[in-house]
Amino acid sequence: MNPEQFEAICRAVRGIPRGEVATYGGVARLAGLPGRARLVGRVLKIAPANLKLPWHRVLGAGERIVFPRGSRARAEQARRLRAEGVVVQSGRVVKRARPDLDELLWKPPRR
């Protein structure tokens, strides 16, 4: 990964509004790196804490928390999401009445 990719991913993650979520793949597309979902995960893993990225707003496919059941990271991500008003059940974000960030950013408009 090069510094430009790192910064593009950080910018995309910072751009996720409070109370909203995006998938790793959605962040990769937003960063101009389609197909690089695993790179997003790597960046979030190595990013220094002082960047204060809202990492908890990034989920796996199907809007699921990817950390193992019973792990501290999984509990912390669910706690942070709930604090922002996101409904989390059984490690997944419950679908909202409004479209998720991925849908807003990447689906072509209907004609």
N, C-alpha and C. Protein backbone atom coordinates (compact mmCIF):
# COMPACT_ATOMS: atom_id res chain seq x y z
N MET A 1 0.85 -1.17 0.00
CA MET A 1 0.00 0.00 0.00
C MET A 1 0.89 1.23 0.00
N ASN A 2 0.46 2.21 -0.76
CA ASN A 2 1.25 3.44 -0.79
C ASN A 2 0.56 4.52 0.06
N PRO A 3 1.27 5.60 0.36
CA PRO A 3 0.70 6.65 1.22
C PRO A 3 -0.58 7.28 0.65
N GLU A 4 -0.70 7.36 -0.67
CA GLU A 4 -1.90 7.93 -1.27
C GLU A 4 -3.12 7.05 -1.01
N GLN A 5 -2.92 5.73 -1.10
CA GLN A 5 -4.01 4.81 -0.83
C GLN A 5 -4.42 4.89 0.64
N PHE A 6 -3.42 4.94 1.52
CA PHE A 6 -3.69 5.05 2.95
C PHE A 6 -4.52 6.29 3.24
N GLU A 7 -4.12 7.42 2.70
CA GLU A 7 -4.84 8.69 2.95
C GLU A 7 -6.22 8.67 2.33
N ALA A 8 -6.38 8.10 1.14
CA ALA A 8 -7.69 8.04 0.49
C ALA A 8 -8.67 7.22 1.34
N ILE A 9 -8.19 6.13 1.89
CA ILE A 9 -9.05 5.29 2.74
C ILE A 9 -9.40 6.03 4.02
N CYS A 10 -8.43 6.68 4.63
CA CYS A 10 -8.70 7.44 5.86
C CYS A 10 -9.72 8.54 5.59
N ARG A 11 -9.59 9.22 4.46
CA ARG A 11 -10.54 10.28 4.09
C ARG A 11 -11.95 9.71 3.93
N ALA A 12 -12.04 8.56 3.29
CA ALA A 12 -13.35 7.93 3.06
C ALA A 12 -13.99 7.53 4.38
N VAL A 13 -13.20 6.97 5.29
CA VAL A 13 -13.73 6.56 6.59
C VAL A 13 -14.18 7.79 7.38
N ARG A 14 -13.38 8.83 7.36
CA ARG A 14 -13.76 10.08 8.06
C ARG A 14 -15.06 10.66 7.49
N GLY A 15 -15.35 10.37 6.24
CA GLY A 15 -16.53 10.91 5.58
C GLY A 15 -17.84 10.20 5.91
N ILE A 16 -17.77 9.09 6.62
CA ILE A 16 -19.00 8.38 6.99
C ILE A 16 -19.68 9.17 8.11
N PRO A 17 -20.89 9.65 7.88
CA PRO A 17 -21.56 10.47 8.90
C PRO A 17 -21.90 9.68 10.16
N ARG A 18 -21.97 10.38 11.26
CA ARG A 18 -22.39 9.80 12.54
C ARG A 18 -23.76 9.15 12.36
N GLY A 19 -23.90 7.93 12.88
CA GLY A 19 -25.16 7.21 12.79
C GLY A 19 -25.35 6.46 11.49
N GLU A 20 -24.36 6.52 10.61
CA GLU A 20 -24.41 5.80 9.33
C GLU A 20 -23.29 4.76 9.31
N VAL A 21 -23.39 3.81 8.41
CA VAL A 21 -22.37 2.78 8.26
C VAL A 21 -22.04 2.60 6.79
N ALA A 22 -20.91 1.98 6.54
CA ALA A 22 -20.50 1.59 5.19
C ALA A 22 -19.78 0.26 5.31
N THR A 23 -19.72 -0.47 4.22
CA THR A 23 -18.98 -1.73 4.21
C THR A 23 -17.53 -1.46 3.82
N TYR A 24 -16.69 -2.44 4.07
CA TYR A 24 -15.29 -2.33 3.66
C TYR A 24 -15.21 -2.09 2.16
N GLY A 25 -16.03 -2.81 1.39
CA GLY A 25 -16.05 -2.63 -0.06
C GLY A 25 -16.52 -1.24 -0.46
N GLY A 26 -17.51 -0.72 0.25
CA GLY A 26 -18.01 0.62 -0.04
C GLY A 26 -16.97 1.68 0.22
N VAL A 27 -16.22 1.52 1.31
CA VAL A 27 -15.14 2.47 1.62
C VAL A 27 -14.08 2.40 0.53
N ALA A 28 -13.75 1.19 0.10
CA ALA A 28 -12.74 1.03 -0.96
C ALA A 28 -13.19 1.75 -2.24
N ARG A 29 -14.44 1.59 -2.62
CA ARG A 29 -14.94 2.27 -3.81
C ARG A 29 -14.91 3.78 -3.64
N LEU A 30 -15.33 4.25 -2.48
CA LEU A 30 -15.33 5.69 -2.20
C LEU A 30 -13.91 6.25 -2.27
N ALA A 31 -12.93 5.44 -1.86
CA ALA A 31 -11.53 5.86 -1.89
C ALA A 31 -10.92 5.74 -3.29
N GLY A 32 -11.71 5.28 -4.24
CA GLY A 32 -11.19 5.11 -5.60
C GLY A 32 -10.40 3.83 -5.77
N LEU A 33 -10.66 2.86 -4.90
CA LEU A 33 -9.94 1.60 -4.93
C LEU A 33 -10.90 0.42 -4.98
N PRO A 34 -11.74 0.34 -6.00
CA PRO A 34 -12.72 -0.75 -6.05
C PRO A 34 -12.04 -2.11 -5.99
N GLY A 35 -12.68 -3.02 -5.27
CA GLY A 35 -12.13 -4.37 -5.14
C GLY A 35 -11.05 -4.50 -4.08
N ARG A 36 -10.80 -3.45 -3.32
CA ARG A 36 -9.71 -3.47 -2.33
C ARG A 36 -10.24 -3.43 -0.89
N ALA A 37 -11.34 -4.15 -0.62
CA ALA A 37 -11.94 -4.17 0.71
C ALA A 37 -10.95 -4.62 1.78
N ARG A 38 -10.13 -5.61 1.45
CA ARG A 38 -9.16 -6.09 2.44
C ARG A 38 -8.11 -5.04 2.78
N LEU A 39 -7.80 -4.20 1.80
CA LEU A 39 -6.86 -3.11 2.06
C LEU A 39 -7.46 -2.13 3.07
N VAL A 40 -8.76 -1.90 2.98
CA VAL A 40 -9.44 -1.03 3.96
C VAL A 40 -9.27 -1.62 5.36
N GLY A 41 -9.48 -2.92 5.49
CA GLY A 41 -9.30 -3.57 6.78
C GLY A 41 -7.88 -3.44 7.30
N ARG A 42 -6.91 -3.57 6.40
CA ARG A 42 -5.51 -3.45 6.81
C ARG A 42 -5.21 -2.03 7.29
N VAL A 43 -5.72 -1.03 6.57
CA VAL A 43 -5.49 0.36 6.97
C VAL A 43 -6.10 0.62 8.34
N LEU A 44 -7.33 0.15 8.56
CA LEU A 44 -7.96 0.37 9.85
C LEU A 44 -7.20 -0.33 10.98
N LYS A 45 -6.58 -1.45 10.66
CA LYS A 45 -5.82 -2.18 11.67
C LYS A 45 -4.52 -1.45 12.05
N ILE A 46 -3.86 -0.84 11.07
CA ILE A 46 -2.56 -0.23 11.35
C ILE A 46 -2.62 1.27 11.60
N ALA A 47 -3.77 1.89 11.37
CA ALA A 47 -3.87 3.35 11.53
C ALA A 47 -3.62 3.74 12.99
N PRO A 48 -2.79 4.72 13.23
CA PRO A 48 -2.52 5.16 14.59
C PRO A 48 -3.80 5.69 15.26
N ALA A 49 -3.93 5.44 16.55
CA ALA A 49 -5.11 5.87 17.29
C ALA A 49 -5.30 7.38 17.25
N ASN A 50 -4.20 8.13 17.14
CA ASN A 50 -4.31 9.59 17.15
C ASN A 50 -5.01 10.14 15.91
N LEU A 51 -5.23 9.30 14.88
CA LEU A 51 -6.01 9.74 13.72
C LEU A 51 -7.50 9.80 14.05
N LYS A 52 -7.89 9.09 15.10
CA LYS A 52 -9.29 9.08 15.57
C LYS A 52 -10.28 8.78 14.45
N LEU A 53 -9.97 7.75 13.67
CA LEU A 53 -10.88 7.33 12.61
C LEU A 53 -12.12 6.67 13.21
N PRO A 54 -13.29 6.93 12.65
CA PRO A 54 -14.50 6.26 13.14
C PRO A 54 -14.59 4.83 12.58
N TRP A 55 -13.64 4.01 12.95
CA TRP A 55 -13.51 2.65 12.44
C TRP A 55 -14.77 1.82 12.69
N HIS A 56 -15.50 2.15 13.75
CA HIS A 56 -16.67 1.36 14.13
C HIS A 56 -17.80 1.48 13.11
N ARG A 57 -17.74 2.46 12.22
CA ARG A 57 -18.79 2.65 11.21
C ARG A 57 -18.56 1.79 9.97
N VAL A 58 -17.47 1.03 9.96
CA VAL A 58 -17.13 0.18 8.81
C VAL A 58 -17.45 -1.27 9.15
N LEU A 59 -18.26 -1.88 8.29
CA LEU A 59 -18.75 -3.23 8.55
C LEU A 59 -18.43 -4.15 7.37
N GLY A 60 -18.56 -5.44 7.64
CA GLY A 60 -18.38 -6.42 6.58
C GLY A 60 -19.62 -6.48 5.69
N ALA A 61 -19.53 -7.30 4.66
CA ALA A 61 -20.66 -7.49 3.75
C ALA A 61 -21.89 -7.90 4.55
N GLY A 62 -23.04 -7.42 4.12
CA GLY A 62 -24.26 -7.72 4.84
C GLY A 62 -24.41 -6.89 6.11
N GLU A 63 -23.59 -5.85 6.21
CA GLU A 63 -23.59 -4.96 7.38
C GLU A 63 -23.43 -5.73 8.69
N ARG A 64 -22.42 -6.60 8.69
CA ARG A 64 -22.15 -7.38 9.90
C ARG A 64 -20.82 -6.98 10.50
N ILE A 65 -20.75 -7.11 11.80
CA ILE A 65 -19.49 -6.88 12.52
C ILE A 65 -18.61 -8.10 12.25
N VAL A 66 -17.38 -7.86 11.85
CA VAL A 66 -16.52 -8.97 11.45
C VAL A 66 -15.65 -9.52 12.58
N PHE A 67 -15.59 -8.83 13.70
CA PHE A 67 -14.79 -9.33 14.82
C PHE A 67 -15.45 -10.59 15.40
N PRO A 68 -14.66 -11.51 15.95
CA PRO A 68 -15.22 -12.76 16.48
C PRO A 68 -16.20 -12.52 17.63
N ARG A 69 -17.20 -13.40 17.70
CA ARG A 69 -18.16 -13.35 18.83
C ARG A 69 -17.39 -13.43 20.13
N GLY A 70 -17.83 -12.64 21.09
CA GLY A 70 -17.22 -12.66 22.42
C GLY A 70 -15.96 -11.82 22.54
N SER A 71 -15.49 -11.24 21.43
CA SER A 71 -14.27 -10.43 21.49
C SER A 71 -14.57 -9.03 22.01
N ARG A 72 -13.58 -8.42 22.60
CA ARG A 72 -13.72 -7.04 23.07
C ARG A 72 -13.98 -6.08 21.93
N ALA A 73 -13.31 -6.31 20.80
CA ALA A 73 -13.47 -5.43 19.64
C ALA A 73 -14.92 -5.47 19.13
N ARG A 74 -15.52 -6.66 19.09
CA ARG A 74 -16.91 -6.78 18.63
C ARG A 74 -17.85 -6.03 19.57
N ALA A 75 -17.65 -6.21 20.87
CA ALA A 75 -18.50 -5.53 21.86
C ALA A 75 -18.31 -4.02 21.77
N GLU A 76 -17.08 -3.57 21.57
CA GLU A 76 -16.80 -2.13 21.48
C GLU A 76 -17.42 -1.53 20.22
N GLN A 77 -17.34 -2.24 19.10
CA GLN A 77 -17.94 -1.73 17.88
C GLN A 77 -19.45 -1.62 18.03
N ALA A 78 -20.08 -2.64 18.57
CA ALA A 78 -21.53 -2.60 18.78
C ALA A 78 -21.91 -1.47 19.73
N ARG A 79 -21.14 -1.28 20.79
CA ARG A 79 -21.42 -0.22 21.75
C ARG A 79 -21.35 1.15 21.09
N ARG A 80 -20.29 1.37 20.31
CA ARG A 80 -20.13 2.67 19.65
C ARG A 80 -21.24 2.93 18.63
N LEU A 81 -21.62 1.90 17.88
CA LEU A 81 -22.69 2.07 16.91
C LEU A 81 -24.01 2.40 17.61
N ARG A 82 -24.31 1.67 18.67
CA ARG A 82 -25.55 1.93 19.41
C ARG A 82 -25.56 3.34 20.00
N ALA A 83 -24.40 3.81 20.44
CA ALA A 83 -24.31 5.17 20.99
C ALA A 83 -24.64 6.22 19.94
N GLU A 84 -24.51 5.86 18.66
CA GLU A 84 -24.83 6.77 17.56
C GLU A 84 -26.25 6.54 17.02
N GLY A 85 -26.99 5.66 17.68
CA GLY A 85 -28.37 5.41 17.27
C GLY A 85 -28.55 4.30 16.25
N VAL A 86 -27.49 3.56 15.98
CA VAL A 86 -27.57 2.45 15.02
C VAL A 86 -28.05 1.21 15.78
N VAL A 87 -29.03 0.52 15.23
CA VAL A 87 -29.56 -0.69 15.87
C VAL A 87 -28.71 -1.88 15.45
N VAL A 88 -28.16 -2.57 16.44
CA VAL A 88 -27.32 -3.75 16.19
C VAL A 88 -27.96 -4.94 16.90
N GLN A 89 -28.20 -6.02 16.15
CA GLN A 89 -28.73 -7.25 16.72
C GLN A 89 -27.94 -8.42 16.20
N SER A 90 -27.47 -9.25 17.10
CA SER A 90 -26.73 -10.45 16.72
C SER A 90 -25.55 -10.14 15.80
N GLY A 91 -24.87 -9.03 16.06
CA GLY A 91 -23.68 -8.69 15.29
C GLY A 91 -23.95 -8.09 13.93
N ARG A 92 -25.19 -7.75 13.64
CA ARG A 92 -25.56 -7.13 12.36
C ARG A 92 -26.31 -5.83 12.61
N VAL A 93 -26.15 -4.92 11.68
CA VAL A 93 -26.91 -3.68 11.73
C VAL A 93 -28.28 -3.98 11.15
N VAL A 94 -29.31 -3.60 11.88
CA VAL A 94 -30.68 -3.80 11.42
C VAL A 94 -30.95 -2.79 10.31
N LYS A 95 -31.52 -3.27 9.23
CA LYS A 95 -31.82 -2.38 8.09
C LYS A 95 -32.67 -1.21 8.55
N ARG A 96 -32.31 -0.07 8.02
CA ARG A 96 -33.01 1.15 8.36
C ARG A 96 -34.00 1.49 7.26
N ALA A 97 -34.90 2.41 7.55
CA ALA A 97 -35.87 2.83 6.55
C ALA A 97 -35.17 3.55 5.40
N ARG A 98 -34.07 4.24 5.69
CA ARG A 98 -33.35 4.95 4.63
C ARG A 98 -32.24 4.05 4.09
N PRO A 99 -31.78 4.30 2.87
CA PRO A 99 -30.73 3.46 2.29
C PRO A 99 -29.40 3.65 3.03
N ASP A 100 -28.56 2.63 2.98
CA ASP A 100 -27.25 2.77 3.62
C ASP A 100 -26.31 3.60 2.74
N LEU A 101 -25.19 3.96 3.28
CA LEU A 101 -24.24 4.82 2.58
C LEU A 101 -23.80 4.21 1.26
N ASP A 102 -23.58 2.90 1.24
CA ASP A 102 -23.18 2.23 -0.01
C ASP A 102 -24.23 2.45 -1.09
N GLU A 103 -25.50 2.30 -0.72
CA GLU A 103 -26.57 2.47 -1.71
C GLU A 103 -26.63 3.90 -2.21
N LEU A 104 -26.45 4.86 -1.31
CA LEU A 104 -26.50 6.26 -1.71
C LEU A 104 -25.36 6.61 -2.67
N LEU A 105 -24.20 6.02 -2.44
CA LEU A 105 -23.02 6.41 -3.21
C LEU A 105 -22.86 5.64 -4.52
N TRP A 106 -23.32 4.40 -4.57
CA TRP A 106 -22.89 3.56 -5.68
C TRP A 106 -23.99 3.00 -6.57
N LYS A 107 -25.22 3.16 -6.23
CA LYS A 107 -26.28 2.65 -7.12
C LYS A 107 -26.67 3.74 -8.11
N PRO A 108 -26.80 3.39 -9.37
CA PRO A 108 -27.19 4.41 -10.36
C PRO A 108 -28.62 4.88 -10.10
N PRO A 109 -28.91 6.14 -10.39
CA PRO A 109 -30.27 6.64 -10.16
C PRO A 109 -31.26 5.96 -11.08
N ARG A 110 -32.47 5.79 -10.57
CA ARG A 110 -33.54 5.18 -11.37
C ARG A 110 -34.08 6.22 -12.33
N ARG A 111 -34.49 5.74 -13.50
CA ARG A 111 -35.04 6.65 -14.51
C ARG A 111 -36.50 6.39 -14.71
